[in-house]
Amino acid sequence: MSSYSEEKQKMLSGGLFHAFSPDLVRERRRCQVVTSRFNNAGDVSRRRLVELWRDINGDTTPLPPVAANAEEDAALLEQEPWIEAPLHLDYGTNIRLGANVFINFNCTILDTCLVTIGSRTVIGPNVSFFSGTHPLDPVVRNGTQGPEYGKEIHVGEDCWIGGNAIVLPGIRIGNGAAIGAGSVVTKDVPPFHVAAGNPARVIRKIKTNMDPEQGHETPDQNVEGAEVPMAELAEKLQGDV
């Protein structure tokens, strides 16, 4: 039997739930307190930042014993997610980050439902992940008295989400994909593709040996940035006017 309250069970399963039930209000308040501690930590060790993140996330996996000096200790934790403050979250406990993930400052994650970000994915500044949403009918929505619901967001491994991008509820972004700066992702993005725009559209495939479908057809490393296909998209859209 689940130890979660009825409203939390409905929330995590994507059903209609009431966010202002006392238990969920308490959980969001807890998240505000521990996230504020993280955001205002100041000049502390890498280990301390990892500990503060785990306080937010509820991860109780033991860390390795402290090393002899700060540099060696930081090396022990190099696969832990690197998160720049400030960070803005709803619950904090419905987020799963893979190894070596980087999240730049001012990231917002509304983790009404599970939000997963795969290993080695890098997130630009001011990126938002909105797993929560509301009924369109204002009668049903009914302010703080009405229900809301959510859909899980899953970002694959080795992705790059450009600054100021917004990822909406229910989205899946495949491994190795890149999302252009300022994009609003309203549909799934296939692996190893660039998507950009508002709403984001798939621009083209990324040439990489990481893609099993491409095999070893691209022996040279591709160092092209997302700004190149985004510029191509802009020119195309101007041509369509």
C-alpha atoms as a PDB file:
ATOM      1  CA  MET A   1       0.000   0.000   0.000  1.00  0.00           C
ATOM      2  CA  SER A   2       1.325   3.446  -0.902  1.00  0.00           C
ATOM      3  CA  SER A   3       2.308   5.804   1.918  1.00  0.00           C
ATOM      4  CA  TYR A   4       1.313   8.781  -0.225  1.00  0.00           C
ATOM      5  CA  SER A   5      -1.844  10.739   0.434  1.00  0.00           C
ATOM      6  CA  GLU A   6      -4.772  10.365  -1.938  1.00  0.00           C
ATOM      7  CA  GLU A   7      -4.131  13.773  -3.532  1.00  0.00           C
ATOM      8  CA  LYS A   8      -0.427  13.045  -4.035  1.00  0.00           C
ATOM      9  CA  GLN A   9      -1.172   9.667  -5.604  1.00  0.00           C
ATOM     10  CA  LYS A  10      -3.542  11.360  -8.048  1.00  0.00           C
ATOM     11  CA  MET A  11      -0.929  14.065  -8.761  1.00  0.00           C
ATOM     12  CA  LEU A  12       1.890  11.627  -9.537  1.00  0.00           C
ATOM     13  CA  SER A  13      -0.347   9.447 -11.709  1.00  0.00           C
ATOM     14  CA  GLY A  14      -1.421  12.382 -13.874  1.00  0.00           C
ATOM     15  CA  GLY A  15      -4.976  12.553 -12.537  1.00  0.00           C
ATOM     16  CA  LEU A  16      -6.901  15.602 -11.439  1.00  0.00           C
ATOM     17  CA  PHE A  17      -5.834  16.615  -7.934  1.00  0.00           C
ATOM     18  CA  HIS A  18      -6.151  19.568  -5.569  1.00  0.00           C
ATOM     19  CA  ALA A  19      -2.781  21.285  -5.139  1.00  0.00           C
ATOM     20  CA  PHE A  20      -3.904  23.244  -2.092  1.00  0.00           C
ATOM     21  CA  SER A  21      -4.623  20.203   0.033  1.00  0.00           C
ATOM     22  CA  PRO A  22      -2.738  20.552   3.348  1.00  0.00           C
ATOM     23  CA  ASP A  23      -0.234  17.766   2.652  1.00  0.00           C
ATOM     24  CA  LEU A  24       0.822  19.159  -0.743  1.00  0.00           C
ATOM     25  CA  VAL A  25       1.047  22.693   0.641  1.00  0.00           C
ATOM     26  CA  ARG A  26       3.406  21.321   3.310  1.00  0.00           C
ATOM     27  CA  GLU A  27       5.526  19.555   0.692  1.00  0.00           C
ATOM     28  CA  ARG A  28       5.887  22.704  -1.386  1.00  0.00           C
ATOM     29  CA  ARG A  29       6.771  24.681   1.726  1.00  0.00           C
ATOM     30  CA  ARG A  30       9.449  22.112   2.620  1.00  0.00           C
ATOM     31  CA  CYS A  31      10.846  22.487  -0.906  1.00  0.00           C
ATOM     32  CA  GLN A  32      10.897  26.278  -0.576  1.00  0.00           C
ATOM     33  CA  VAL A  33      12.916  26.057   2.635  1.00  0.00           C
ATOM     34  CA  VAL A  34      15.571  23.595   1.415  1.00  0.00           C
ATOM     35  CA  THR A  35      15.801  25.242  -2.015  1.00  0.00           C
ATOM     36  CA  SER A  36      16.374  28.620  -0.369  1.00  0.00           C
ATOM     37  CA  ARG A  37      19.187  27.014   1.609  1.00  0.00           C
ATOM     38  CA  PHE A  38      20.730  25.799  -1.661  1.00  0.00           C
ATOM     39  CA  ASN A  39      20.245  29.115  -3.452  1.00  0.00           C
ATOM     40  CA  ASN A  40      21.842  31.089  -0.631  1.00  0.00           C
ATOM     41  CA  ALA A  41      24.671  28.691   0.189  1.00  0.00           C
ATOM     42  CA  GLY A  42      27.370  31.083  -0.987  1.00  0.00           C
ATOM     43  CA  ASP A  43      31.000  29.960  -1.216  1.00  0.00           C
ATOM     44  CA  VAL A  44      30.807  26.362  -0.002  1.00  0.00           C
ATOM     45  CA  SER A  45      32.520  23.142  -1.032  1.00  0.00           C
ATOM     46  CA  ARG A  46      31.393  20.952  -3.903  1.00  0.00           C
ATOM     47  CA  ARG A  47      30.406  18.285  -1.374  1.00  0.00           C
ATOM     48  CA  ARG A  48      28.198  20.723   0.492  1.00  0.00           C
ATOM     49  CA  LEU A  49      26.388  21.695  -2.725  1.00  0.00           C
ATOM     50  CA  VAL A  50      25.785  18.021  -3.503  1.00  0.00           C
ATOM     51  CA  GLU A  51      24.433  17.516   0.011  1.00  0.00           C
ATOM     52  CA  LEU A  52      22.135  20.524  -0.320  1.00  0.00           C
ATOM     53  CA  TRP A  53      20.790  19.232  -3.652  1.00  0.00           C
ATOM     54  CA  ARG A  54      20.122  15.848  -2.082  1.00  0.00           C
ATOM     55  CA  ASP A  55      18.232  17.541   0.736  1.00  0.00           C
ATOM     56  CA  ILE A  56      15.969  19.019  -1.942  1.00  0.00           C
ATOM     57  CA  ASN A  57      15.662  15.834  -3.970  1.00  0.00           C
ATOM     58  CA  GLY A  58      15.350  13.353  -1.123  1.00  0.00           C
ATOM     59  CA  ASP A  59      18.218  11.215  -2.417  1.00  0.00           C
ATOM     60  CA  THR A  60      19.595   9.211   0.532  1.00  0.00           C
ATOM     61  CA  THR A  61      22.316   7.336  -1.380  1.00  0.00           C
ATOM     62  CA  PRO A  62      25.507   7.544   0.717  1.00  0.00           C
ATOM     63  CA  LEU A  63      28.272   9.779  -0.622  1.00  0.00           C
ATOM     64  CA  PRO A  64      31.858   8.464  -0.704  1.00  0.00           C
ATOM     65  CA  PRO A  65      33.982   9.208   2.373  1.00  0.00           C
ATOM     66  CA  VAL A  66      35.570  12.668   2.466  1.00  0.00           C
ATOM     67  CA  ALA A  67      38.964  12.777   0.734  1.00  0.00           C
ATOM     68  CA  ALA A  68      42.184  14.247   2.133  1.00  0.00           C
ATOM     69  CA  ASN A  69      41.765  17.639   0.457  1.00  0.00           C
ATOM     70  CA  ALA A  70      39.146  19.708  -1.384  1.00  0.00           C
ATOM     71  CA  GLU A  71      40.422  18.915  -4.887  1.00  0.00           C
ATOM     72  CA  GLU A  72      40.483  15.169  -4.295  1.00  0.00           C
ATOM     73  CA  ASP A  73      37.080  15.327  -2.655  1.00  0.00           C
ATOM     74  CA  ALA A  74      35.607  17.238  -5.598  1.00  0.00           C
ATOM     75  CA  ALA A  75      37.056  14.590  -7.948  1.00  0.00           C
ATOM     76  CA  LEU A  76      35.115  11.918  -6.055  1.00  0.00           C
ATOM     77  CA  LEU A  77      31.906  13.798  -6.861  1.00  0.00           C
ATOM     78  CA  GLU A  78      32.585  14.710 -10.500  1.00  0.00           C
ATOM     79  CA  GLN A  79      29.722  12.544 -11.777  1.00  0.00           C
ATOM     80  CA  GLU A  80      27.185  14.236  -9.503  1.00  0.00           C
ATOM     81  CA  PRO A  81      24.865  16.789 -11.156  1.00  0.00           C
ATOM     82  CA  TRP A  82      26.237  20.329 -11.250  1.00  0.00           C
ATOM     83  CA  ILE A  83      23.493  22.877 -10.580  1.00  0.00           C
ATOM     84  CA  GLU A  84      23.955  26.641 -10.571  1.00  0.00           C
ATOM     85  CA  ALA A  85      21.795  28.710  -8.234  1.00  0.00           C
ATOM     86  CA  PRO A  86      19.190  30.029  -8.181  1.00  0.00           C
ATOM     87  CA  LEU A  87      16.888  27.088  -8.721  1.00  0.00           C
ATOM     88  CA  HIS A  88      13.063  27.194  -8.619  1.00  0.00           C
ATOM     89  CA  LEU A  89      11.066  24.039  -7.897  1.00  0.00           C
ATOM     90  CA  ASP A  90       7.626  22.918  -6.768  1.00  0.00           C
ATOM     91  CA  TYR A  91       8.364  19.729  -4.827  1.00  0.00           C
ATOM     92  CA  GLY A  92      11.950  18.760  -5.677  1.00  0.00           C
ATOM     93  CA  THR A  93      11.367  15.081  -4.967  1.00  0.00           C
ATOM     94  CA  ASN A  94       9.856  14.313  -8.390  1.00  0.00           C
ATOM     95  CA  ILE A  95      13.081  15.065 -10.283  1.00  0.00           C
ATOM     96  CA  ARG A  96      15.639  12.495 -11.425  1.00  0.00           C
ATOM     97  CA  LEU A  97      18.992  13.654 -12.790  1.00  0.00           C
ATOM     98  CA  GLY A  98      21.526  11.374 -14.458  1.00  0.00           C
ATOM     99  CA  ALA A  99      25.295  11.451 -14.041  1.00  0.00           C
ATOM    100  CA  ASN A 100      27.257  14.532 -15.081  1.00  0.00           C
ATOM    101  CA  VAL A 101      24.179  16.677 -15.772  1.00  0.00           C
ATOM    102  CA  PHE A 102      24.723  20.450 -15.836  1.00  0.00           C
ATOM    103  CA  ILE A 103      21.902  22.892 -15.056  1.00  0.00           C
ATOM    104  CA  ASN A 104      22.679  26.586 -15.464  1.00  0.00           C
ATOM    105  CA  PHE A 105      21.243  29.338 -13.293  1.00  0.00           C
ATOM    106  CA  ASN A 106      17.588  30.282 -12.933  1.00  0.00           C
ATOM    107  CA  CYS A 107      16.155  26.918 -13.954  1.00  0.00           C
ATOM    108  CA  THR A 108      12.490  26.330 -13.121  1.00  0.00           C
ATOM    109  CA  ILE A 109      11.139  22.800 -12.752  1.00  0.00           C
ATOM    110  CA  LEU A 110       7.472  22.410 -11.891  1.00  0.00           C
ATOM    111  CA  ASP A 111       7.700  18.772 -10.873  1.00  0.00           C
ATOM    112  CA  THR A 112       4.016  18.052 -10.422  1.00  0.00           C
ATOM    113  CA  CYS A 113       4.800  14.776 -12.174  1.00  0.00           C
ATOM    114  CA  LEU A 114       8.144  13.082 -12.671  1.00  0.00           C
ATOM    115  CA  VAL A 115      10.783  15.050 -14.600  1.00  0.00           C
ATOM    116  CA  THR A 116      13.838  13.054 -15.702  1.00  0.00           C
ATOM    117  CA  ILE A 117      17.011  14.450 -17.285  1.00  0.00           C
ATOM    118  CA  GLY A 118      19.481  11.933 -18.659  1.00  0.00           C
ATOM    119  CA  SER A 119      23.212  11.705 -18.096  1.00  0.00           C
ATOM    120  CA  ARG A 120      25.542  14.308 -19.615  1.00  0.00           C
ATOM    121  CA  THR A 121      22.671  16.575 -20.620  1.00  0.00           C
ATOM    122  CA  VAL A 122      23.408  20.303 -20.345  1.00  0.00           C
ATOM    123  CA  ILE A 123      20.726  22.894 -19.597  1.00  0.00           C
ATOM    124  CA  GLY A 124      21.174  26.584 -20.444  1.00  0.00           C
ATOM    125  CA  PRO A 125      20.155  29.508 -18.205  1.00  0.00           C
ATOM    126  CA  ASN A 126      16.497  30.393 -17.613  1.00  0.00           C
ATOM    127  CA  VAL A 127      15.157  27.071 -18.891  1.00  0.00           C
ATOM    128  CA  SER A 128      11.732  25.945 -17.647  1.00  0.00           C
ATOM    129  CA  PHE A 129      10.215  22.470 -17.415  1.00  0.00           C
ATOM    130  CA  PHE A 130       6.470  22.616 -16.776  1.00  0.00           C
ATOM    131  CA  SER A 131       5.050  19.189 -15.932  1.00  0.00           C
ATOM    132  CA  GLY A 132       1.948  20.770 -14.369  1.00  0.00           C
ATOM    133  CA  THR A 133      -1.053  22.120 -16.237  1.00  0.00           C
ATOM    134  CA  HIS A 134      -4.648  23.231 -15.665  1.00  0.00           C
ATOM    135  CA  PRO A 135      -8.070  22.496 -17.211  1.00  0.00           C
ATOM    136  CA  LEU A 136      -8.990  24.926 -19.983  1.00  0.00           C
ATOM    137  CA  ASP A 137     -12.572  25.271 -18.756  1.00  0.00           C
ATOM    138  CA  PRO A 138     -12.534  28.119 -16.195  1.00  0.00           C
ATOM    139  CA  VAL A 139     -15.500  26.596 -14.391  1.00  0.00           C
ATOM    140  CA  VAL A 140     -13.468  23.460 -13.715  1.00  0.00           C
ATOM    141  CA  ARG A 141     -10.202  25.364 -13.152  1.00  0.00           C
ATOM    142  CA  ASN A 142     -11.800  27.496 -10.409  1.00  0.00           C
ATOM    143  CA  GLY A 143      -8.663  29.236  -9.071  1.00  0.00           C
ATOM    144  CA  THR A 144      -7.142  27.707  -5.956  1.00  0.00           C
ATOM    145  CA  GLN A 145     -10.316  25.710  -5.283  1.00  0.00           C
ATOM    146  CA  GLY A 146     -10.261  23.717  -8.513  1.00  0.00           C
ATOM    147  CA  PRO A 147      -8.189  20.749  -9.643  1.00  0.00           C
ATOM    148  CA  GLU A 148      -5.076  20.626 -11.790  1.00  0.00           C
ATOM    149  CA  TYR A 149      -3.047  17.788 -13.253  1.00  0.00           C
ATOM    150  CA  GLY A 150       0.299  16.984 -14.805  1.00  0.00           C
ATOM    151  CA  LYS A 151       2.179  14.886 -17.340  1.00  0.00           C
ATOM    152  CA  GLU A 152       5.692  13.493 -17.031  1.00  0.00           C
ATOM    153  CA  ILE A 153       8.616  15.083 -18.885  1.00  0.00           C
ATOM    154  CA  HIS A 154      11.549  12.927 -20.008  1.00  0.00           C
ATOM    155  CA  VAL A 155      14.784  14.353 -21.434  1.00  0.00           C
ATOM    156  CA  GLY A 156      17.230  11.765 -22.752  1.00  0.00           C
ATOM    157  CA  GLU A 157      20.958  11.428 -22.326  1.00  0.00           C
ATOM    158  CA  ASP A 158      23.483  13.744 -23.995  1.00  0.00           C
ATOM    159  CA  CYS A 159      20.939  16.462 -24.810  1.00  0.00           C
ATOM    160  CA  TRP A 160      21.457  20.220 -24.935  1.00  0.00           C
ATOM    161  CA  ILE A 161      18.609  22.559 -23.985  1.00  0.00           C
ATOM    162  CA  GLY A 162      19.400  26.158 -24.982  1.00  0.00           C
ATOM    163  CA  GLY A 163      18.794  29.157 -22.727  1.00  0.00           C
ATOM    164  CA  ASN A 164      15.228  30.420 -22.173  1.00  0.00           C
ATOM    165  CA  ALA A 165      13.692  27.270 -23.644  1.00  0.00           C
ATOM    166  CA  ILE A 166      10.378  26.015 -22.250  1.00  0.00           C
ATOM    167  CA  VAL A 167       9.440  22.327 -22.171  1.00  0.00           C
ATOM    168  CA  LEU A 168       5.715  21.679 -21.749  1.00  0.00           C
ATOM    169  CA  PRO A 169       3.910  18.788 -19.995  1.00  0.00           C
ATOM    170  CA  GLY A 170       4.168  15.293 -21.440  1.00  0.00           C
ATOM    171  CA  ILE A 171       7.186  15.957 -23.657  1.00  0.00           C
ATOM    172  CA  ARG A 172       9.886  13.400 -24.474  1.00  0.00           C
ATOM    173  CA  ILE A 173      13.193  14.618 -25.876  1.00  0.00           C
ATOM    174  CA  GLY A 174      15.298  11.830 -27.344  1.00  0.00           C
ATOM    175  CA  ASN A 175      18.947  11.088 -26.652  1.00  0.00           C
ATOM    176  CA  GLY A 176      21.441  13.505 -28.165  1.00  0.00           C
ATOM    177  CA  ALA A 177      18.845  16.080 -29.197  1.00  0.00           C
ATOM    178  CA  ALA A 178      19.470  19.844 -29.111  1.00  0.00           C
ATOM    179  CA  ILE A 179      16.800  22.466 -28.399  1.00  0.00           C
ATOM    180  CA  GLY A 180      17.455  25.987 -29.664  1.00  0.00           C
ATOM    181  CA  ALA A 181      17.510  28.958 -27.323  1.00  0.00           C
ATOM    182  CA  GLY A 182      14.093  30.479 -26.657  1.00  0.00           C
ATOM    183  CA  SER A 183      12.178  27.511 -28.029  1.00  0.00           C
ATOM    184  CA  VAL A 184       8.822  26.314 -26.717  1.00  0.00           C
ATOM    185  CA  VAL A 185       8.733  22.533 -26.981  1.00  0.00           C
ATOM    186  CA  THR A 186       5.151  21.400 -27.533  1.00  0.00           C
ATOM    187  CA  LYS A 187       5.826  18.040 -29.252  1.00  0.00           C
ATOM    188  CA  ASP A 188       8.256  15.171 -28.745  1.00  0.00           C
ATOM    189  CA  VAL A 189      11.715  15.573 -30.283  1.00  0.00           C
ATOM    190  CA  PRO A 190      13.345  12.481 -31.841  1.00  0.00           C
ATOM    191  CA  PRO A 191      16.870  11.427 -30.864  1.00  0.00           C
ATOM    192  CA  PHE A 192      19.805  13.240 -32.477  1.00  0.00           C
ATOM    193  CA  HIS A 193      17.774  16.064 -33.996  1.00  0.00           C
ATOM    194  CA  VAL A 194      17.802  19.834 -33.579  1.00  0.00           C
ATOM    195  CA  ALA A 195      14.477  21.470 -32.752  1.00  0.00           C
ATOM    196  CA  ALA A 196      13.900  25.216 -32.425  1.00  0.00           C
ATOM    197  CA  GLY A 197      11.250  27.908 -32.591  1.00  0.00           C
ATOM    198  CA  ASN A 198       7.925  28.761 -30.978  1.00  0.00           C
ATOM    199  CA  PRO A 199       6.417  26.278 -31.249  1.00  0.00           C
ATOM    200  CA  ALA A 200       9.588  24.231 -31.724  1.00  0.00           C
ATOM    201  CA  ARG A 201       9.899  22.320 -34.949  1.00  0.00           C
ATOM    202  CA  VAL A 202      12.495  19.728 -35.918  1.00  0.00           C
ATOM    203  CA  ILE A 203      15.040  21.382 -38.197  1.00  0.00           C
ATOM    204  CA  ARG A 204      17.425  18.617 -39.097  1.00  0.00           C
ATOM    205  CA  LYS A 205      19.357  15.591 -37.908  1.00  0.00           C
ATOM    206  CA  ILE A 206      22.628  15.898 -35.981  1.00  0.00           C
ATOM    207  CA  LYS A 207      25.623  14.173 -37.524  1.00  0.00           C
ATOM    208  CA  THR A 208      27.223  12.060 -34.820  1.00  0.00           C
ATOM    209  CA  ASN A 209      28.794   8.662 -34.293  1.00  0.00           C
ATOM    210  CA  MET A 210      26.711   8.343 -31.125  1.00  0.00           C
ATOM    211  CA  ASP A 211      23.635   7.675 -33.264  1.00  0.00           C
ATOM    212  CA  PRO A 212      23.508   3.917 -33.938  1.00  0.00           C
ATOM    213  CA  GLU A 213      21.602   4.561 -37.168  1.00  0.00           C
ATOM    214  CA  GLN A 214      24.512   6.597 -38.518  1.00  0.00           C
ATOM    215  CA  GLY A 215      27.187   4.106 -37.491  1.00  0.00           C
ATOM    216  CA  HIS A 216      30.624   5.420 -38.407  1.00  0.00           C
ATOM    217  CA  GLU A 217      29.537   7.507 -41.367  1.00  0.00           C
ATOM    218  CA  THR A 218      30.694  10.720 -39.667  1.00  0.00           C
ATOM    219  CA  PRO A 219      34.328  10.103 -38.670  1.00  0.00           C
ATOM    220  CA  ASP A 220      35.076  13.789 -38.019  1.00  0.00           C
ATOM    221  CA  GLN A 221      33.826  15.383 -34.829  1.00  0.00           C
ATOM    222  CA  ASN A 222      30.983  17.802 -35.479  1.00  0.00           C
ATOM    223  CA  VAL A 223      31.607  20.996 -33.482  1.00  0.00           C
ATOM    224  CA  GLU A 224      28.848  23.039 -35.105  1.00  0.00           C
ATOM    225  CA  GLY A 225      26.624  24.861 -32.595  1.00  0.00           C
ATOM    226  CA  ALA A 226      22.835  25.056 -32.560  1.00  0.00           C
ATOM    227  CA  GLU A 227      23.002  28.669 -33.733  1.00  0.00           C
ATOM    228  CA  VAL A 228      23.789  27.435 -37.271  1.00  0.00           C
ATOM    229  CA  PRO A 229      20.589  25.413 -37.880  1.00  0.00           C
ATOM    230  CA  MET A 230      18.597  28.084 -36.023  1.00  0.00           C
ATOM    231  CA  ALA A 231      19.881  30.716 -38.448  1.00  0.00           C
ATOM    232  CA  GLU A 232      18.930  28.430 -41.336  1.00  0.00           C
ATOM    233  CA  LEU A 233      15.415  28.109 -39.901  1.00  0.00           C
ATOM    234  CA  ALA A 234      15.128  31.892 -39.547  1.00  0.00           C
ATOM    235  CA  GLU A 235      16.123  32.384 -43.189  1.00  0.00           C
ATOM    236  CA  LYS A 236      13.584  29.785 -44.287  1.00  0.00           C
ATOM    237  CA  LEU A 237      10.796  31.424 -42.298  1.00  0.00           C
ATOM    238  CA  GLN A 238      11.655  34.828 -43.734  1.00  0.00           C
ATOM    239  CA  GLY A 239      11.520  33.312 -47.195  1.00  0.00           C
ATOM    240  CA  ASP A 240       8.074  31.887 -46.503  1.00  0.00           C
ATOM    241  CA  VAL A 241       6.619  35.315 -45.605  1.00  0.00           C
END
